[in-house]
C-alpha atoms as a PDB file:
ATOM      1  CA  MET A   1     -11.377  -6.826   0.665  1.00  0.00           C
ATOM      2  CA  ARG A   2     -10.925  -8.753   3.560  1.00  0.00           C
ATOM      3  CA  SER A   3      -7.295  -7.539   5.291  1.00  0.00           C
ATOM      4  CA  SER A   4      -6.708 -11.680   4.785  1.00  0.00           C
ATOM      5  CA  GLU A   5      -6.862 -11.440   1.345  1.00  0.00           C
ATOM      6  CA  LEU A   6      -4.581  -8.148   1.732  1.00  0.00           C
ATOM      7  CA  PHE A   7      -2.028 -10.046   2.957  1.00  0.00           C
ATOM      8  CA  GLU A   8      -2.531 -13.554   1.171  1.00  0.00           C
ATOM      9  CA  ILE A   9      -2.175 -11.590  -1.976  1.00  0.00           C
ATOM     10  CA  LEU A  10       1.171  -9.228  -0.043  1.00  0.00           C
ATOM     11  CA  ASP A  11       2.825 -12.650   0.989  1.00  0.00           C
ATOM     12  CA  SER A  12       2.583 -14.824  -2.354  1.00  0.00           C
ATOM     13  CA  ALA A  13       5.424 -15.055  -4.595  1.00  0.00           C
ATOM     14  CA  GLU A  14       2.914 -13.781  -7.571  1.00  0.00           C
ATOM     15  CA  GLU A  15       3.102 -10.186  -8.892  1.00  0.00           C
ATOM     16  CA  VAL A  16       0.281  -8.284  -7.475  1.00  0.00           C
ATOM     17  CA  SER A  17      -2.175  -8.180 -10.416  1.00  0.00           C
ATOM     18  CA  ALA A  18      -4.786 -10.073  -8.178  1.00  0.00           C
ATOM     19  CA  LEU A  19      -4.632  -7.284  -5.824  1.00  0.00           C
ATOM     20  CA  ARG A  20      -5.058  -5.047  -8.680  1.00  0.00           C
ATOM     21  CA  GLN A  21      -8.675  -6.629  -9.265  1.00  0.00           C
ATOM     22  CA  ALA A  22      -9.277  -6.933  -5.836  1.00  0.00           C
ATOM     23  CA  ILE A  23      -9.163  -3.035  -4.905  1.00  0.00           C
ATOM     24  CA  ALA A  24     -10.330  -1.869  -8.537  1.00  0.00           C
ATOM     25  CA  PRO A  25     -14.028  -1.431  -7.480  1.00  0.00           C
ATOM     26  CA  ALA A  26     -12.582   1.094  -4.634  1.00  0.00           C
ATOM     27  CA  MET A  27     -10.379   2.931  -6.785  1.00  0.00           C
ATOM     28  CA  PRO A  28     -12.068   5.822  -8.436  1.00  0.00           C
ATOM     29  CA  ALA A  29     -13.133   7.216  -5.048  1.00  0.00           C
ATOM     30  CA  PHE A  30     -10.145   6.914  -3.721  1.00  0.00           C
ATOM     31  CA  ARG A  31      -8.683   8.653  -6.736  1.00  0.00           C
ATOM     32  CA  ALA A  32     -11.684  11.276  -6.386  1.00  0.00           C
ATOM     33  CA  GLY A  33     -10.687  11.466  -3.048  1.00  0.00           C
ATOM     34  CA  LEU A  34      -7.027  12.417  -3.762  1.00  0.00           C
ATOM     35  CA  GLN A  35      -7.690  15.046  -6.071  1.00  0.00           C
ATOM     36  CA  LEU A  36      -9.687  17.326  -4.147  1.00  0.00           C
ATOM     37  CA  ARG A  37      -7.744  19.581  -1.843  1.00  0.00           C
ATOM     38  CA  GLY A  38      -8.748  18.488   1.895  1.00  0.00           C
ATOM     39  CA  GLY A  39     -11.233  15.779   0.607  1.00  0.00           C
ATOM     40  CA  SER A  40     -11.271  12.130   1.733  1.00  0.00           C
ATOM     41  CA  ALA A  41     -10.177   9.319  -0.051  1.00  0.00           C
ATOM     42  CA  PRO A  42     -11.672   6.167   1.576  1.00  0.00           C
ATOM     43  CA  ILE A  43     -10.020   2.788   1.988  1.00  0.00           C
ATOM     44  CA  GLU A  44     -12.353  -0.278   1.722  1.00  0.00           C
ATOM     45  CA  VAL A  45     -10.470  -3.252   4.146  1.00  0.00           C
ATOM     46  CA  LYS A  46     -12.669  -5.259   6.436  1.00  0.00           C
ATOM     47  CA  THR A  47     -10.624  -6.210   9.284  1.00  0.00           C
ATOM     48  CA  GLU A  48     -11.225  -9.348  10.433  1.00  0.00           C
ATOM     49  CA  GLY A  49      -9.616  -9.262  13.985  1.00  0.00           C
ATOM     50  CA  ARG A  50      -6.473 -11.104  13.355  1.00  0.00           C
ATOM     51  CA  GLU A  51      -2.922 -10.003  13.694  1.00  0.00           C
ATOM     52  CA  PHE A  52      -1.045  -9.995  10.163  1.00  0.00           C
ATOM     53  CA  ARG A  53       3.038  -9.048  10.273  1.00  0.00           C
ATOM     54  CA  VAL A  54       4.380  -6.577   7.626  1.00  0.00           C
ATOM     55  CA  THR A  55       7.549  -7.097   6.975  1.00  0.00           C
ATOM     56  CA  GLU A  56      10.608  -5.933   4.784  1.00  0.00           C
ATOM     57  CA  ALA A  57       9.330  -8.043   2.084  1.00  0.00           C
ATOM     58  CA  HIS A  58       6.168  -6.835   1.588  1.00  0.00           C
ATOM     59  CA  VAL A  59       7.499  -3.626   1.209  1.00  0.00           C
ATOM     60  CA  ARG A  60      10.180  -4.536  -1.039  1.00  0.00           C
ATOM     61  CA  LYS A  61       7.252  -6.176  -3.537  1.00  0.00           C
ATOM     62  CA  LEU A  62       4.842  -3.247  -3.100  1.00  0.00           C
ATOM     63  CA  CYS A  63       7.928  -0.786  -4.488  1.00  0.00           C
ATOM     64  CA  GLU A  64       9.059  -3.285  -7.184  1.00  0.00           C
ATOM     65  CA  GLU A  65       5.682  -4.008  -8.391  1.00  0.00           C
ATOM     66  CA  TYR A  66       5.664  -0.313  -8.768  1.00  0.00           C
ATOM     67  CA  LEU A  67       8.885   0.348 -10.649  1.00  0.00           C
ATOM     68  CA  ALA A  68       8.045  -2.888 -12.581  1.00  0.00           C
ATOM     69  CA  GLY A  69       4.460  -0.790 -13.678  1.00  0.00           C
ATOM     70  CA  ARG A  70       2.463  -3.112 -12.374  1.00  0.00           C
ATOM     71  CA  LEU A  71       0.673  -0.915  -9.621  1.00  0.00           C
ATOM     72  CA  ASP A  72       0.592   2.789 -10.442  1.00  0.00           C
ATOM     73  CA  ALA A  73       0.660   5.476  -7.323  1.00  0.00           C
ATOM     74  CA  ALA A  74      -2.506   5.656  -6.592  1.00  0.00           C
ATOM     75  CA  GLU A  75      -2.598   1.860  -5.985  1.00  0.00           C
ATOM     76  CA  LEU A  76       0.506   2.112  -3.836  1.00  0.00           C
ATOM     77  CA  SER A  77      -0.896   4.539  -2.144  1.00  0.00           C
ATOM     78  CA  TYR A  78      -4.173   2.890  -1.450  1.00  0.00           C
ATOM     79  CA  VAL A  79      -2.475  -0.808  -0.188  1.00  0.00           C
ATOM     80  CA  ALA A  80       0.061   1.445   2.024  1.00  0.00           C
ATOM     81  CA  THR A  81      -2.723   2.760   4.038  1.00  0.00           C
ATOM     82  CA  ALA A  82      -4.377   0.071   4.125  1.00  0.00           C
ATOM     83  CA  LEU A  83      -1.670  -1.298   6.053  1.00  0.00           C
ATOM     84  CA  GLU A  84      -0.964   1.761   7.766  1.00  0.00           C
ATOM     85  CA  LEU A  85      -4.434   2.085   8.913  1.00  0.00           C
ATOM     86  CA  SER A  86      -6.105  -1.196   9.656  1.00  0.00           C
ATOM     87  CA  PRO A  87      -5.445  -2.561  12.841  1.00  0.00           C
ATOM     88  CA  ASP A  88      -5.282  -6.097  11.369  1.00  0.00           C
ATOM     89  CA  PHE A  89      -1.620  -5.263  10.420  1.00  0.00           C
ATOM     90  CA  VAL A  90       1.426  -4.922  12.694  1.00  0.00           C
ATOM     91  CA  MET A  91       4.364  -3.585  11.779  1.00  0.00           C
ATOM     92  CA  ALA A  92       7.546  -5.630  11.993  1.00  0.00           C
ATOM     93  CA  SER A  93       9.631  -3.062  12.643  1.00  0.00           C
ATOM     94  CA  GLU A  94      10.064   1.135  13.322  1.00  0.00           C
ATOM     95  CA  GLY A  95      12.058   0.875   9.779  1.00  0.00           C
ATOM     96  CA  ILE A  96       8.897  -0.574   7.696  1.00  0.00           C
ATOM     97  CA  GLU A  97       6.307   1.511   9.746  1.00  0.00           C
ATOM     98  CA  GLU A  98       8.422   4.581   8.090  1.00  0.00           C
ATOM     99  CA  ALA A  99       8.118   3.031   4.755  1.00  0.00           C
ATOM    100  CA  ILE A 100       4.240   2.480   4.621  1.00  0.00           C
ATOM    101  CA  SER A 101       3.869   5.813   6.013  1.00  0.00           C
ATOM    102  CA  LEU A 102       6.340   7.141   2.923  1.00  0.00           C
ATOM    103  CA  LEU A 103       4.402   5.168   0.659  1.00  0.00           C
ATOM    104  CA  SER A 104       0.977   5.783   1.559  1.00  0.00           C
ATOM    105  CA  ASP A 105       0.592   9.845   1.742  1.00  0.00           C
ATOM    106  CA  PRO A 106       1.299  11.555  -1.500  1.00  0.00           C
ATOM    107  CA  VAL A 107      -0.078  14.588  -0.622  1.00  0.00           C
ATOM    108  CA  ALA A 108       2.002  14.996   2.568  1.00  0.00           C
ATOM    109  CA  ASN A 109       5.716  13.061   1.493  1.00  0.00           C
ATOM    110  CA  GLY A 110       5.347  14.404  -1.967  1.00  0.00           C
ATOM    111  CA  PRO A 111       4.128  12.500  -5.346  1.00  0.00           C
ATOM    112  CA  MET A 112       5.586   8.524  -5.735  1.00  0.00           C
ATOM    113  CA  SER A 113       8.422   8.007  -8.360  1.00  0.00           C
ATOM    114  CA  ARG A 114      10.978   5.852  -9.126  1.00  0.00           C
ATOM    115  CA  GLU A 115      13.814   8.154  -7.279  1.00  0.00           C
ATOM    116  CA  VAL A 116      11.285   7.144  -4.055  1.00  0.00           C
ATOM    117  CA  ALA A 117      10.987   4.030  -4.590  1.00  0.00           C
ATOM    118  CA  GLU A 118      14.444   3.001  -5.274  1.00  0.00           C
ATOM    119  CA  ALA A 119      15.884   5.260  -2.554  1.00  0.00           C
ATOM    120  CA  LEU A 120      13.693   3.516  -0.280  1.00  0.00           C
ATOM    121  CA  LEU A 121      14.562  -0.408  -1.344  1.00  0.00           C
ATOM    122  CA  ARG A 122      18.048   0.601  -1.072  1.00  0.00           C
ATOM    123  CA  SER A 123      17.078   1.987   2.377  1.00  0.00           C
ATOM    124  CA  LEU A 124      15.627  -1.359   3.463  1.00  0.00           C
END
């Protein structure tokens, strides 16, 4: 998946079914990496040398899609990690950076839950 493709999906008003399809090939290796203590969970996003600004609306969409059951915790973590690690994505603020960081690492930050997503939405 290219960074522009990821951003276009997040920036659209539609649900994230296209996102799920786009990341589906990478998810088995990512899920396996999450299960291994000390393992790595690979992220496959092709950088394009362009800058995409991640805003509150993008974080809100990710949380809402998770709460609606259209993204599971691993998919949410995958996307957030891609946003965090790719040099093509720039966070609009320190608060957005913190929110993406919280969503990206269930090992360090604890497992994703409805309560975490709802609290994050209230803080935006």
